[in-house]
Amino acid sequence: MNLLAKDFWKRIALLATQNNITKDQIAKDCDIPIPTMKGWKYRGIFPDGKLCVDIATKLNTSVEFLVYGKNAINPKIYIDNKCIDLSEIALRINKLDINKKKAIMSNLLQQIEFWENN
């Protein structure tokens, strides 16, 4: 099985869960027969390029993220030789309700402004 394709389908499952949508619904919305999509996953193959774009769009992500696990801009912060992947933090924040997201972002922006000016 193609490992990139295996990870591709894992990321689709993860994002589907985070977006409260089923993989069957993704297939329907992208005009992909459900058995076809399940077959691709089972055999570990990718859909064609246009369908990858359709799936990524449905999941509010990029094809690059689905295939490689990173976006064109893969923001990271290095602290004490440790790498913090901000895309992972964003995924965690996106699981929260809107009021918690707003509070986190407000506090984060205030902290950034404070430290930029001091």
PDB file of N, CA and C in Angstrom:
ATOM      1  N   MET A   1       0.844  -1.193   0.000  1.00  0.00           N
ATOM      2  CA  MET A   1       0.000   0.000   0.000  1.00  0.00           C
ATOM      3  C   MET A   1       0.879   1.243   0.000  1.00  0.00           C
ATOM      4  N   ASN A   2       0.512   2.219  -0.780  1.00  0.00           N
ATOM      5  CA  ASN A   2       1.220   3.483  -0.849  1.00  0.00           C
ATOM      6  C   ASN A   2       1.053   4.227   0.476  1.00  0.00           C
ATOM      7  N   LEU A   3       2.167   4.489   1.175  1.00  0.00           N
ATOM      8  CA  LEU A   3       2.092   5.145   2.481  1.00  0.00           C
ATOM      9  C   LEU A   3       1.560   6.566   2.397  1.00  0.00           C
ATOM     10  N   LEU A   4       1.906   7.297   1.331  1.00  0.00           N
ATOM     11  CA  LEU A   4       1.349   8.639   1.165  1.00  0.00           C
ATOM     12  C   LEU A   4      -0.165   8.583   1.050  1.00  0.00           C
ATOM     13  N   ALA A   5      -0.662   7.625   0.292  1.00  0.00           N
ATOM     14  CA  ALA A   5      -2.117   7.493   0.130  1.00  0.00           C
ATOM     15  C   ALA A   5      -2.763   7.078   1.448  1.00  0.00           C
ATOM     16  N   LYS A   6      -2.111   6.195   2.183  1.00  0.00           N
ATOM     17  CA  LYS A   6      -2.648   5.774   3.477  1.00  0.00           C
ATOM     18  C   LYS A   6      -2.799   6.979   4.401  1.00  0.00           C
ATOM     19  N   ASP A   7      -1.755   7.824   4.458  1.00  0.00           N
ATOM     20  CA  ASP A   7      -1.818   9.031   5.284  1.00  0.00           C
ATOM     21  C   ASP A   7      -2.845  10.026   4.751  1.00  0.00           C
ATOM     22  N   PHE A   8      -2.971  10.109   3.431  1.00  0.00           N
ATOM     23  CA  PHE A   8      -3.981  10.958   2.790  1.00  0.00           C
ATOM     24  C   PHE A   8      -5.370  10.616   3.330  1.00  0.00           C
ATOM     25  N   TRP A   9      -5.703   9.331   3.343  1.00  0.00           N
ATOM     26  CA  TRP A   9      -7.030   8.907   3.796  1.00  0.00           C
ATOM     27  C   TRP A   9      -7.190   9.090   5.305  1.00  0.00           C
ATOM     28  N   LYS A  10      -6.102   8.954   6.062  1.00  0.00           N
ATOM     29  CA  LYS A  10      -6.171   9.216   7.508  1.00  0.00           C
ATOM     30  C   LYS A  10      -6.476  10.693   7.768  1.00  0.00           C
ATOM     31  N   ARG A  11      -5.836  11.565   6.991  1.00  0.00           N
ATOM     32  CA  ARG A  11      -6.075  13.007   7.174  1.00  0.00           C
ATOM     33  C   ARG A  11      -7.503  13.377   6.786  1.00  0.00           C
ATOM     34  N   ILE A  12      -8.024  12.750   5.766  1.00  0.00           N
ATOM     35  CA  ILE A  12      -9.422  12.993   5.393  1.00  0.00           C
ATOM     36  C   ILE A  12     -10.335  12.588   6.548  1.00  0.00           C
ATOM     37  N   ALA A  13     -10.072  11.421   7.135  1.00  0.00           N
ATOM     38  CA  ALA A  13     -10.900  10.958   8.259  1.00  0.00           C
ATOM     39  C   ALA A  13     -10.804  11.925   9.437  1.00  0.00           C
ATOM     40  N   LEU A  14      -9.594  12.389   9.741  1.00  0.00           N
ATOM     41  CA  LEU A  14      -9.399  13.321  10.843  1.00  0.00           C
ATOM     42  C   LEU A  14     -10.145  14.631  10.597  1.00  0.00           C
ATOM     43  N   LEU A  15      -9.976  15.196   9.412  1.00  0.00           N
ATOM     44  CA  LEU A  15     -10.640  16.468   9.096  1.00  0.00           C
ATOM     45  C   LEU A  15     -12.154  16.312   9.001  1.00  0.00           C
ATOM     46  N   ALA A  16     -12.604  15.172   8.517  1.00  0.00           N
ATOM     47  CA  ALA A  16     -14.052  14.927   8.463  1.00  0.00           C
ATOM     48  C   ALA A  16     -14.626  14.963   9.878  1.00  0.00           C
ATOM     49  N   THR A  17     -13.956  14.307  10.797  1.00  0.00           N
ATOM     50  CA  THR A  17     -14.407  14.303  12.193  1.00  0.00           C
ATOM     51  C   THR A  17     -14.400  15.720  12.759  1.00  0.00           C
ATOM     52  N   GLN A  18     -13.320  16.455  12.510  1.00  0.00           N
ATOM     53  CA  GLN A  18     -13.220  17.819  13.034  1.00  0.00           C
ATOM     54  C   GLN A  18     -14.258  18.749  12.428  1.00  0.00           C
ATOM     55  N   ASN A  19     -14.684  18.460  11.205  1.00  0.00           N
ATOM     56  CA  ASN A  19     -15.685  19.293  10.533  1.00  0.00           C
ATOM     57  C   ASN A  19     -17.097  18.747  10.680  1.00  0.00           C
ATOM     58  N   ASN A  20     -17.259  17.717  11.512  1.00  0.00           N
ATOM     59  CA  ASN A  20     -18.576  17.109  11.742  1.00  0.00           C
ATOM     60  C   ASN A  20     -19.250  16.684  10.444  1.00  0.00           C
ATOM     61  N   ILE A  21     -18.509  15.990   9.609  1.00  0.00           N
ATOM     62  CA  ILE A  21     -19.052  15.522   8.341  1.00  0.00           C
ATOM     63  C   ILE A  21     -18.588  14.075   8.139  1.00  0.00           C
ATOM     64  N   THR A  22     -19.421  13.275   7.520  1.00  0.00           N
ATOM     65  CA  THR A  22     -19.028  11.888   7.263  1.00  0.00           C
ATOM     66  C   THR A  22     -18.271  11.796   5.946  1.00  0.00           C
ATOM     67  N   LYS A  23     -17.494  10.740   5.820  1.00  0.00           N
ATOM     68  CA  LYS A  23     -16.781  10.523   4.557  1.00  0.00           C
ATOM     69  C   LYS A  23     -17.783  10.252   3.431  1.00  0.00           C
ATOM     70  N   ASP A  24     -18.896   9.625   3.763  1.00  0.00           N
ATOM     71  CA  ASP A  24     -19.940   9.408   2.749  1.00  0.00           C
ATOM     72  C   ASP A  24     -20.495  10.738   2.243  1.00  0.00           C
ATOM     73  N   GLN A  25     -20.650  11.697   3.154  1.00  0.00           N
ATOM     74  CA  GLN A  25     -21.162  13.007   2.746  1.00  0.00           C
ATOM     75  C   GLN A  25     -20.144  13.735   1.870  1.00  0.00           C
ATOM     76  N   ILE A  26     -18.863  13.597   2.211  1.00  0.00           N
ATOM     77  CA  ILE A  26     -17.817  14.191   1.373  1.00  0.00           C
ATOM     78  C   ILE A  26     -17.917  13.620  -0.035  1.00  0.00           C
ATOM     79  N   ALA A  27     -18.043  12.299  -0.115  1.00  0.00           N
ATOM     80  CA  ALA A  27     -18.151  11.644  -1.422  1.00  0.00           C
ATOM     81  C   ALA A  27     -19.347  12.193  -2.194  1.00  0.00           C
ATOM     82  N   LYS A  28     -20.494  12.259  -1.540  1.00  0.00           N
ATOM     83  CA  LYS A  28     -21.707  12.759  -2.216  1.00  0.00           C
ATOM     84  C   LYS A  28     -21.517  14.194  -2.691  1.00  0.00           C
ATOM     85  N   ASP A  29     -20.975  15.048  -1.804  1.00  0.00           N
ATOM     86  CA  ASP A  29     -20.801  16.459  -2.148  1.00  0.00           C
ATOM     87  C   ASP A  29     -19.791  16.670  -3.275  1.00  0.00           C
ATOM     88  N   CYS A  30     -18.880  15.728  -3.428  1.00  0.00           N
ATOM     89  CA  CYS A  30     -17.856  15.829  -4.480  1.00  0.00           C
ATOM     90  C   CYS A  30     -18.215  14.983  -5.707  1.00  0.00           C
ATOM     91  N   ASP A  31     -19.446  14.484  -5.749  1.00  0.00           N
ATOM     92  CA  ASP A  31     -19.923  13.656  -6.869  1.00  0.00           C
ATOM     93  C   ASP A  31     -19.054  12.423  -7.100  1.00  0.00           C
ATOM     94  N   ILE A  32     -18.657  11.803  -6.002  1.00  0.00           N
ATOM     95  CA  ILE A  32     -17.880  10.562  -6.061  1.00  0.00           C
ATOM     96  C   ILE A  32     -18.789   9.445  -5.549  1.00  0.00           C
ATOM     97  N   PRO A  33     -18.983   8.381  -6.316  1.00  0.00           N
ATOM     98  CA  PRO A  33     -19.767   7.268  -5.780  1.00  0.00           C
ATOM     99  C   PRO A  33     -19.110   6.743  -4.493  1.00  0.00           C
ATOM    100  N   ILE A  34     -19.929   6.526  -3.475  1.00  0.00           N
ATOM    101  CA  ILE A  34     -19.392   6.096  -2.174  1.00  0.00           C
ATOM    102  C   ILE A  34     -18.557   4.819  -2.304  1.00  0.00           C
ATOM    103  N   PRO A  35     -19.006   3.796  -3.047  1.00  0.00           N
ATOM    104  CA  PRO A  35     -18.170   2.593  -3.178  1.00  0.00           C
ATOM    105  C   PRO A  35     -16.817   2.879  -3.841  1.00  0.00           C
ATOM    106  N   THR A  36     -16.787   3.844  -4.749  1.00  0.00           N
ATOM    107  CA  THR A  36     -15.524   4.210  -5.403  1.00  0.00           C
ATOM    108  C   THR A  36     -14.559   4.798  -4.391  1.00  0.00           C
ATOM    109  N   MET A  37     -15.055   5.739  -3.577  1.00  0.00           N
ATOM    110  CA  MET A  37     -14.192   6.361  -2.576  1.00  0.00           C
ATOM    111  C   MET A  37     -13.699   5.328  -1.567  1.00  0.00           C
ATOM    112  N   LYS A  38     -14.580   4.441  -1.137  1.00  0.00           N
ATOM    113  CA  LYS A  38     -14.170   3.390  -0.195  1.00  0.00           C
ATOM    114  C   LYS A  38     -13.144   2.463  -0.836  1.00  0.00           C
ATOM    115  N   GLY A  39     -13.302   2.193  -2.127  1.00  0.00           N
ATOM    116  CA  GLY A  39     -12.348   1.354  -2.841  1.00  0.00           C
ATOM    117  C   GLY A  39     -10.971   1.995  -2.928  1.00  0.00           C
ATOM    118  N   TRP A  40     -10.940   3.296  -3.189  1.00  0.00           N
ATOM    119  CA  TRP A  40      -9.658   4.000  -3.234  1.00  0.00           C
ATOM    120  C   TRP A  40      -8.942   3.888  -1.892  1.00  0.00           C
ATOM    121  N   LYS A  41      -9.724   4.119  -0.828  1.00  0.00           N
ATOM    122  CA  LYS A  41      -9.131   4.048   0.516  1.00  0.00           C
ATOM    123  C   LYS A  41      -8.613   2.642   0.778  1.00  0.00           C
ATOM    124  N   TYR A  42      -9.418   1.651   0.510  1.00  0.00           N
ATOM    125  CA  TYR A  42      -9.043   0.260   0.773  1.00  0.00           C
ATOM    126  C   TYR A  42      -7.784  -0.130  -0.006  1.00  0.00           C
ATOM    127  N   ARG A  43      -7.713   0.299  -1.271  1.00  0.00           N
ATOM    128  CA  ARG A  43      -6.562  -0.056  -2.115  1.00  0.00           C
ATOM    129  C   ARG A  43      -5.371   0.886  -1.924  1.00  0.00           C
ATOM    130  N   GLY A  44      -5.589   1.973  -1.168  1.00  0.00           N
ATOM    131  CA  GLY A  44      -4.504   2.916  -0.910  1.00  0.00           C
ATOM    132  C   GLY A  44      -4.077   3.693  -2.129  1.00  0.00           C
ATOM    133  N   ILE A  45      -5.056   4.201  -2.865  1.00  0.00           N
ATOM    134  CA  ILE A  45      -4.739   5.010  -4.039  1.00  0.00           C
ATOM    135  C   ILE A  45      -5.401   6.380  -3.919  1.00  0.00           C
ATOM    136  N   PHE A  46      -4.860   7.317  -4.681  1.00  0.00           N
ATOM    137  CA  PHE A  46      -5.388   8.676  -4.685  1.00  0.00           C
ATOM    138  C   PHE A  46      -6.471   8.834  -5.749  1.00  0.00           C
ATOM    139  N   PRO A  47      -7.449   9.711  -5.480  1.00  0.00           N
ATOM    140  CA  PRO A  47      -8.353  10.122  -6.554  1.00  0.00           C
ATOM    141  C   PRO A  47      -7.576  10.981  -7.552  1.00  0.00           C
ATOM    142  N   ASP A  48      -8.194  11.305  -8.682  1.00  0.00           N
ATOM    143  CA  ASP A  48      -7.496  12.181  -9.635  1.00  0.00           C
ATOM    144  C   ASP A  48      -7.368  13.590  -9.035  1.00  0.00           C
ATOM    145  N   GLY A  49      -6.554  14.409  -9.678  1.00  0.00           N
ATOM    146  CA  GLY A  49      -6.231  15.733  -9.160  1.00  0.00           C
ATOM    147  C   GLY A  49      -7.426  16.610  -8.867  1.00  0.00           C
ATOM    148  N   LYS A  50      -8.395  16.656  -9.804  1.00  0.00           N
ATOM    149  CA  LYS A  50      -9.568  17.507  -9.602  1.00  0.00           C
ATOM    150  C   LYS A  50     -10.354  17.069  -8.377  1.00  0.00           C
ATOM    151  N   LEU A  51     -10.490  15.756  -8.188  1.00  0.00           N
ATOM    152  CA  LEU A  51     -11.239  15.261  -7.037  1.00  0.00           C
ATOM    153  C   LEU A  51     -10.485  15.517  -5.732  1.00  0.00           C
ATOM    154  N   CYS A  52      -9.149  15.460  -5.772  1.00  0.00           N
ATOM    155  CA  CYS A  52      -8.365  15.821  -4.580  1.00  0.00           C
ATOM    156  C   CYS A  52      -8.634  17.274  -4.197  1.00  0.00           C
ATOM    157  N   VAL A  53      -8.690  18.143  -5.198  1.00  0.00           N
ATOM    158  CA  VAL A  53      -8.989  19.556  -4.945  1.00  0.00           C
ATOM    159  C   VAL A  53     -10.397  19.699  -4.376  1.00  0.00           C
ATOM    160  N   ASP A  54     -11.362  18.978  -4.946  1.00  0.00           N
ATOM    161  CA  ASP A  54     -12.747  19.046  -4.453  1.00  0.00           C
ATOM    162  C   ASP A  54     -12.838  18.594  -2.995  1.00  0.00           C
ATOM    163  N   ILE A  55     -12.153  17.494  -2.677  1.00  0.00           N
ATOM    164  CA  ILE A  55     -12.175  16.974  -1.301  1.00  0.00           C
ATOM    165  C   ILE A  55     -11.510  17.974  -0.354  1.00  0.00           C
ATOM    166  N   ALA A  56     -10.358  18.497  -0.744  1.00  0.00           N
ATOM    167  CA  ALA A  56      -9.655  19.472   0.097  1.00  0.00           C
ATOM    168  C   ALA A  56     -10.526  20.704   0.330  1.00  0.00           C
ATOM    169  N   THR A  57     -11.177  21.173  -0.712  1.00  0.00           N
ATOM    170  CA  THR A  57     -12.055  22.343  -0.592  1.00  0.00           C
ATOM    171  C   THR A  57     -13.195  22.053   0.375  1.00  0.00           C
ATOM    172  N   LYS A  58     -13.789  20.893   0.258  1.00  0.00           N
ATOM    173  CA  LYS A  58     -14.889  20.506   1.148  1.00  0.00           C
ATOM    174  C   LYS A  58     -14.435  20.491   2.609  1.00  0.00           C
ATOM    175  N   LEU A  59     -13.176  20.128   2.823  1.00  0.00           N
ATOM    176  CA  LEU A  59     -12.641  20.024   4.184  1.00  0.00           C
ATOM    177  C   LEU A  59     -11.888  21.281   4.631  1.00  0.00           C
ATOM    178  N   ASN A  60     -11.976  22.350   3.831  1.00  0.00           N
ATOM    179  CA  ASN A  60     -11.322  23.625   4.165  1.00  0.00           C
ATOM    180  C   ASN A  60      -9.826  23.456   4.409  1.00  0.00           C
ATOM    181  N   THR A  61      -9.175  22.731   3.517  1.00  0.00           N
ATOM    182  CA  THR A  61      -7.743  22.525   3.638  1.00  0.00           C
ATOM    183  C   THR A  61      -7.119  22.553   2.255  1.00  0.00           C
ATOM    184  N   SER A  62      -5.869  22.198   2.167  1.00  0.00           N
ATOM    185  CA  SER A  62      -5.176  22.167   0.873  1.00  0.00           C
ATOM    186  C   SER A  62      -4.885  20.723   0.478  1.00  0.00           C
ATOM    187  N   VAL A  63      -4.691  20.513  -0.807  1.00  0.00           N
ATOM    188  CA  VAL A  63      -4.293  19.190  -1.284  1.00  0.00           C
ATOM    189  C   VAL A  63      -2.935  18.838  -0.679  1.00  0.00           C
ATOM    190  N   GLU A  64      -2.069  19.829  -0.583  1.00  0.00           N
ATOM    191  CA  GLU A  64      -0.749  19.583  -0.003  1.00  0.00           C
ATOM    192  C   GLU A  64      -0.867  19.035   1.412  1.00  0.00           C
ATOM    193  N   PHE A  65      -1.803  19.586   2.193  1.00  0.00           N
ATOM    194  CA  PHE A  65      -1.986  19.054   3.549  1.00  0.00           C
ATOM    195  C   PHE A  65      -2.489  17.624   3.503  1.00  0.00           C
ATOM    196  N   LEU A  66      -3.467  17.347   2.651  1.00  0.00           N
ATOM    197  CA  LEU A  66      -3.998  15.987   2.576  1.00  0.00           C
ATOM    198  C   LEU A  66      -2.918  14.984   2.172  1.00  0.00           C
ATOM    199  N   VAL A  67      -2.079  15.361   1.225  1.00  0.00           N
ATOM    200  CA  VAL A  67      -1.068  14.430   0.719  1.00  0.00           C
ATOM    201  C   VAL A  67       0.150  14.350   1.638  1.00  0.00           C
ATOM    202  N   TYR A  68       0.680  15.508   2.052  1.00  0.00           N
ATOM    203  CA  TYR A  68       1.947  15.527   2.779  1.00  0.00           C
ATOM    204  C   TYR A  68       1.838  15.858   4.266  1.00  0.00           C
ATOM    205  N   GLY A  69       0.657  16.274   4.702  1.00  0.00           N
ATOM    206  CA  GLY A  69       0.493  16.609   6.108  1.00  0.00           C
ATOM    207  C   GLY A  69       0.983  17.995   6.476  1.00  0.00           C
ATOM    208  N   LYS A  70       1.196  18.828   5.468  1.00  0.00           N
ATOM    209  CA  LYS A  70       1.610  20.196   5.745  1.00  0.00           C
ATOM    210  C   LYS A  70       1.010  21.105   4.690  1.00  0.00           C
ATOM    211  N   ASN A  71       0.916  22.347   5.049  1.00  0.00           N
ATOM    212  CA  ASN A  71       0.408  23.340   4.115  1.00  0.00           C
ATOM    213  C   ASN A  71       1.579  23.984   3.397  1.00  0.00           C
ATOM    214  N   ALA A  72       1.276  24.763   2.377  1.00  0.00           N
ATOM    215  CA  ALA A  72       2.334  25.464   1.655  1.00  0.00           C
ATOM    216  C   ALA A  72       3.173  26.278   2.635  1.00  0.00           C
ATOM    217  N   ILE A  73       2.503  26.842   3.601  1.00  0.00           N
ATOM    218  CA  ILE A  73       3.199  27.513   4.692  1.00  0.00           C
ATOM    219  C   ILE A  73       2.983  26.643   5.914  1.00  0.00           C
ATOM    220  N   ASN A  74       4.037  26.026   6.386  1.00  0.00           N
ATOM    221  CA  ASN A  74       3.938  25.130   7.527  1.00  0.00           C
ATOM    222  C   ASN A  74       4.608  25.814   8.713  1.00  0.00           C
ATOM    223  N   PRO A  75       3.842  26.656   9.432  1.00  0.00           N
ATOM    224  CA  PRO A  75       4.456  27.471  10.471  1.00  0.00           C
ATOM    225  C   PRO A  75       4.931  26.641  11.665  1.00  0.00           C
ATOM    226  N   LYS A  76       6.155  26.942  12.062  1.00  0.00           N
ATOM    227  CA  LYS A  76       6.744  26.273  13.222  1.00  0.00           C
ATOM    228  C   LYS A  76       7.482  27.314  14.041  1.00  0.00           C
ATOM    229  N   ILE A  77       7.537  27.050  15.332  1.00  0.00           N
ATOM    230  CA  ILE A  77       8.297  27.891  16.247  1.00  0.00           C
ATOM    231  C   ILE A  77       9.302  26.981  16.935  1.00  0.00           C
ATOM    232  N   TYR A  78      10.538  27.458  17.047  1.00  0.00           N
ATOM    233  CA  TYR A  78      11.582  26.687  17.717  1.00  0.00           C
ATOM    234  C   TYR A  78      11.912  27.349  19.045  1.00  0.00           C
ATOM    235  N   ILE A  79      11.773  26.587  20.125  1.00  0.00           N
ATOM    236  CA  ILE A  79      12.070  27.079  21.464  1.00  0.00           C
ATOM    237  C   ILE A  79      12.931  26.027  22.157  1.00  0.00           C
ATOM    238  N   ASP A  80      14.099  26.430  22.611  1.00  0.00           N
ATOM    239  CA  ASP A  80      15.009  25.513  23.309  1.00  0.00           C
ATOM    240  C   ASP A  80      15.211  24.218  22.527  1.00  0.00           C
ATOM    241  N   ASN A  81      15.482  24.362  21.230  1.00  0.00           N
ATOM    242  CA  ASN A  81      15.727  23.219  20.337  1.00  0.00           C
ATOM    243  C   ASN A  81      14.520  22.281  20.189  1.00  0.00           C
ATOM    244  N   LYS A  82      13.343  22.746  20.563  1.00  0.00           N
ATOM    245  CA  LYS A  82      12.114  21.978  20.366  1.00  0.00           C
ATOM    246  C   LYS A  82      11.296  22.656  19.272  1.00  0.00           C
ATOM    247  N   CYS A  83      10.722  21.856  18.417  1.00  0.00           N
ATOM    248  CA  CYS A  83       9.918  22.377  17.321  1.00  0.00           C
ATOM    249  C   CYS A  83       8.447  22.301  17.705  1.00  0.00           C
ATOM    250  N   ILE A  84       7.765  23.423  17.615  1.00  0.00           N
ATOM    251  CA  ILE A  84       6.328  23.468  17.875  1.00  0.00           C
ATOM    252  C   ILE A  84       5.641  23.724  16.539  1.00  0.00           C
ATOM    253  N   ASP A  85       4.847  22.772  16.111  1.00  0.00           N
ATOM    254  CA  ASP A  85       4.137  22.871  14.834  1.00  0.00           C
ATOM    255  C   ASP A  85       2.821  23.603  15.075  1.00  0.00           C
ATOM    256  N   LEU A  86       2.727  24.825  14.573  1.00  0.00           N
ATOM    257  CA  LEU A  86       1.529  25.630  14.810  1.00  0.00           C
ATOM    258  C   LEU A  86       0.294  25.073  14.117  1.00  0.00           C
ATOM    259  N   SER A  87       0.481  24.288  13.060  1.00  0.00           N
ATOM    260  CA  SER A  87      -0.692  23.700  12.403  1.00  0.00           C
ATOM    261  C   SER A  87      -1.374  22.698  13.325  1.00  0.00           C
ATOM    262  N   GLU A  88      -0.594  22.005  14.162  1.00  0.00           N
ATOM    263  CA  GLU A  88      -1.192  21.075  15.131  1.00  0.00           C
ATOM    264  C   GLU A  88      -1.987  21.844  16.191  1.00  0.00           C
ATOM    265  N   ILE A  89      -1.447  22.983  16.623  1.00  0.00           N
ATOM    266  CA  ILE A  89      -2.159  23.812  17.593  1.00  0.00           C
ATOM    267  C   ILE A  89      -3.452  24.329  16.973  1.00  0.00           C
ATOM    268  N   ALA A  90      -3.379  24.740  15.704  1.00  0.00           N
ATOM    269  CA  ALA A  90      -4.581  25.232  15.020  1.00  0.00           C
ATOM    270  C   ALA A  90      -5.642  24.139  14.941  1.00  0.00           C
ATOM    271  N   LEU A  91      -5.243  22.908  14.664  1.00  0.00           N
ATOM    272  CA  LEU A  91      -6.214  21.805  14.613  1.00  0.00           C
ATOM    273  C   LEU A  91      -6.894  21.618  15.962  1.00  0.00           C
ATOM    274  N   ARG A  92      -6.126  21.737  17.039  1.00  0.00           N
ATOM    275  CA  ARG A  92      -6.706  21.589  18.374  1.00  0.00           C
ATOM    276  C   ARG A  92      -7.671  22.735  18.681  1.00  0.00           C
ATOM    277  N   ILE A  93      -7.276  23.951  18.331  1.00  0.00           N
ATOM    278  CA  ILE A  93      -8.147  25.102  18.579  1.00  0.00           C
ATOM    279  C   ILE A  93      -9.434  24.973  17.775  1.00  0.00           C
ATOM    280  N   ASN A  94      -9.351  24.486  16.548  1.00  0.00           N
ATOM    281  CA  ASN A  94     -10.534  24.357  15.704  1.00  0.00           C
ATOM    282  C   ASN A  94     -11.551  23.367  16.241  1.00  0.00           C
ATOM    283  N   LYS A  95     -11.161  22.516  17.155  1.00  0.00           N
ATOM    284  CA  LYS A  95     -12.096  21.568  17.770  1.00  0.00           C
ATOM    285  C   LYS A  95     -12.972  22.234  18.828  1.00  0.00           C
ATOM    286  N   LEU A  96     -12.567  23.412  19.274  1.00  0.00           N
ATOM    287  CA  LEU A  96     -13.278  24.116  20.347  1.00  0.00           C
ATOM    288  C   LEU A  96     -14.461  24.901  19.796  1.00  0.00           C
ATOM    289  N   ASP A  97     -15.379  25.271  20.700  1.00  0.00           N
ATOM    290  CA  ASP A  97     -16.513  26.082  20.256  1.00  0.00           C
ATOM    291  C   ASP A  97     -16.041  27.508  19.959  1.00  0.00           C
ATOM    292  N   ILE A  98     -16.871  28.244  19.273  1.00  0.00           N
ATOM    293  CA  ILE A  98     -16.503  29.556  18.746  1.00  0.00           C
ATOM    294  C   ILE A  98     -16.090  30.539  19.829  1.00  0.00           C
ATOM    295  N   ASN A  99     -16.747  30.523  20.991  1.00  0.00           N
ATOM    296  CA  ASN A  99     -16.401  31.463  22.057  1.00  0.00           C
ATOM    297  C   ASN A  99     -15.014  31.187  22.629  1.00  0.00           C
ATOM    298  N   LYS A 100     -14.660  29.915  22.748  1.00  0.00           N
ATOM    299  CA  LYS A 100     -13.324  29.562  23.225  1.00  0.00           C
ATOM    300  C   LYS A 100     -12.269  29.946  22.195  1.00  0.00           C
ATOM    301  N   LYS A 101     -12.583  29.744  20.913  1.00  0.00           N
ATOM    302  CA  LYS A 101     -11.645  30.153  19.856  1.00  0.00           C
ATOM    303  C   LYS A 101     -11.390  31.653  19.919  1.00  0.00           C
ATOM    304  N   LYS A 102     -12.475  32.429  20.058  1.00  0.00           N
ATOM    305  CA  LYS A 102     -12.341  33.887  20.115  1.00  0.00           C
ATOM    306  C   LYS A 102     -11.501  34.316  21.311  1.00  0.00           C
ATOM    307  N   ALA A 103     -11.730  33.686  22.469  1.00  0.00           N
ATOM    308  CA  ALA A 103     -10.976  34.034  23.672  1.00  0.00           C
ATOM    309  C   ALA A 103      -9.491  33.727  23.495  1.00  0.00           C
ATOM    310  N   ILE A 104      -9.184  32.566  22.935  1.00  0.00           N
ATOM    311  CA  ILE A 104      -7.781  32.191  22.711  1.00  0.00           C
ATOM    312  C   ILE A 104      -7.117  33.178  21.766  1.00  0.00           C
ATOM    313  N   MET A 105      -7.768  33.488  20.660  1.00  0.00           N
ATOM    314  CA  MET A 105      -7.175  34.389  19.673  1.00  0.00           C
ATOM    315  C   MET A 105      -7.000  35.799  20.232  1.00  0.00           C
ATOM    316  N   SER A 106      -7.978  36.275  20.989  1.00  0.00           N
ATOM    317  CA  SER A 106      -7.884  37.602  21.581  1.00  0.00           C
ATOM    318  C   SER A 106      -6.694  37.672  22.539  1.00  0.00           C
ATOM    319  N   ASN A 107      -6.576  36.669  23.397  1.00  0.00           N
ATOM    320  CA  ASN A 107      -5.467  36.641  24.352  1.00  0.00           C
ATOM    321  C   ASN A 107      -4.126  36.514  23.638  1.00  0.00           C
ATOM    322  N   LEU A 108      -4.069  35.686  22.626  1.00  0.00           N
ATOM    323  CA  LEU A 108      -2.830  35.490  21.879  1.00  0.00           C
ATOM    324  C   LEU A 108      -2.384  36.787  21.206  1.00  0.00           C
ATOM    325  N   LEU A 109      -3.317  37.466  20.547  1.00  0.00           N
ATOM    326  CA  LEU A 109      -2.978  38.717  19.871  1.00  0.00           C
ATOM    327  C   LEU A 109      -2.538  39.793  20.855  1.00  0.00           C
ATOM    328  N   GLN A 110      -3.175  39.848  22.020  1.00  0.00           N
ATOM    329  CA  GLN A 110      -2.771  40.815  23.045  1.00  0.00           C
ATOM    330  C   GLN A 110      -1.350  40.532  23.520  1.00  0.00           C
ATOM    331  N   GLN A 111      -1.038  39.262  23.707  1.00  0.00           N
ATOM    332  CA  GLN A 111       0.308  38.885  24.140  1.00  0.00           C
ATOM    333  C   GLN A 111       1.352  39.241  23.084  1.00  0.00           C
ATOM    334  N   ILE A 112       1.044  38.979  21.842  1.00  0.00           N
ATOM    335  CA  ILE A 112       1.980  39.294  20.759  1.00  0.00           C
ATOM    336  C   ILE A 112       2.231  40.801  20.701  1.00  0.00           C
ATOM    337  N   GLU A 113       1.156  41.581  20.754  1.00  0.00           N
ATOM    338  CA  GLU A 113       1.317  43.041  20.733  1.00  0.00           C
ATOM    339  C   GLU A 113       2.137  43.533  21.904  1.00  0.00           C
ATOM    340  N   PHE A 114       1.893  42.973  23.087  1.00  0.00           N
ATOM    341  CA  PHE A 114       2.658  43.365  24.268  1.00  0.00           C
ATOM    342  C   PHE A 114       4.144  43.108  24.064  1.00  0.00           C
ATOM    343  N   TRP A 115       4.491  41.907  23.624  1.00  0.00           N
ATOM    344  CA  TRP A 115       5.904  41.536  23.495  1.00  0.00           C
ATOM    345  C   TRP A 115       6.567  42.228  22.309  1.00  0.00           C
ATOM    346  N   GLU A 116       5.811  42.577  21.297  1.00  0.00           N
ATOM    347  CA  GLU A 116       6.396  43.333  20.180  1.00  0.00           C
ATOM    348  C   GLU A 116       6.806  44.741  20.612  1.00  0.00           C
ATOM    349  N   ASN A 117       6.067  45.286  21.579  1.00  0.00           N
ATOM    350  CA  ASN A 117       6.311  46.656  22.030  1.00  0.00           C
ATOM    351  C   ASN A 117       7.210  46.749  23.248  1.00  0.00           C
ATOM    352  N   ASN A 118       7.677  45.641  23.768  1.00  0.00           N
ATOM    353  CA  ASN A 118       8.544  45.658  24.969  1.00  0.00           C
ATOM    354  C   ASN A 118       9.846  44.958  24.723  1.00  0.00           C
TER     355      ASN A 118
END
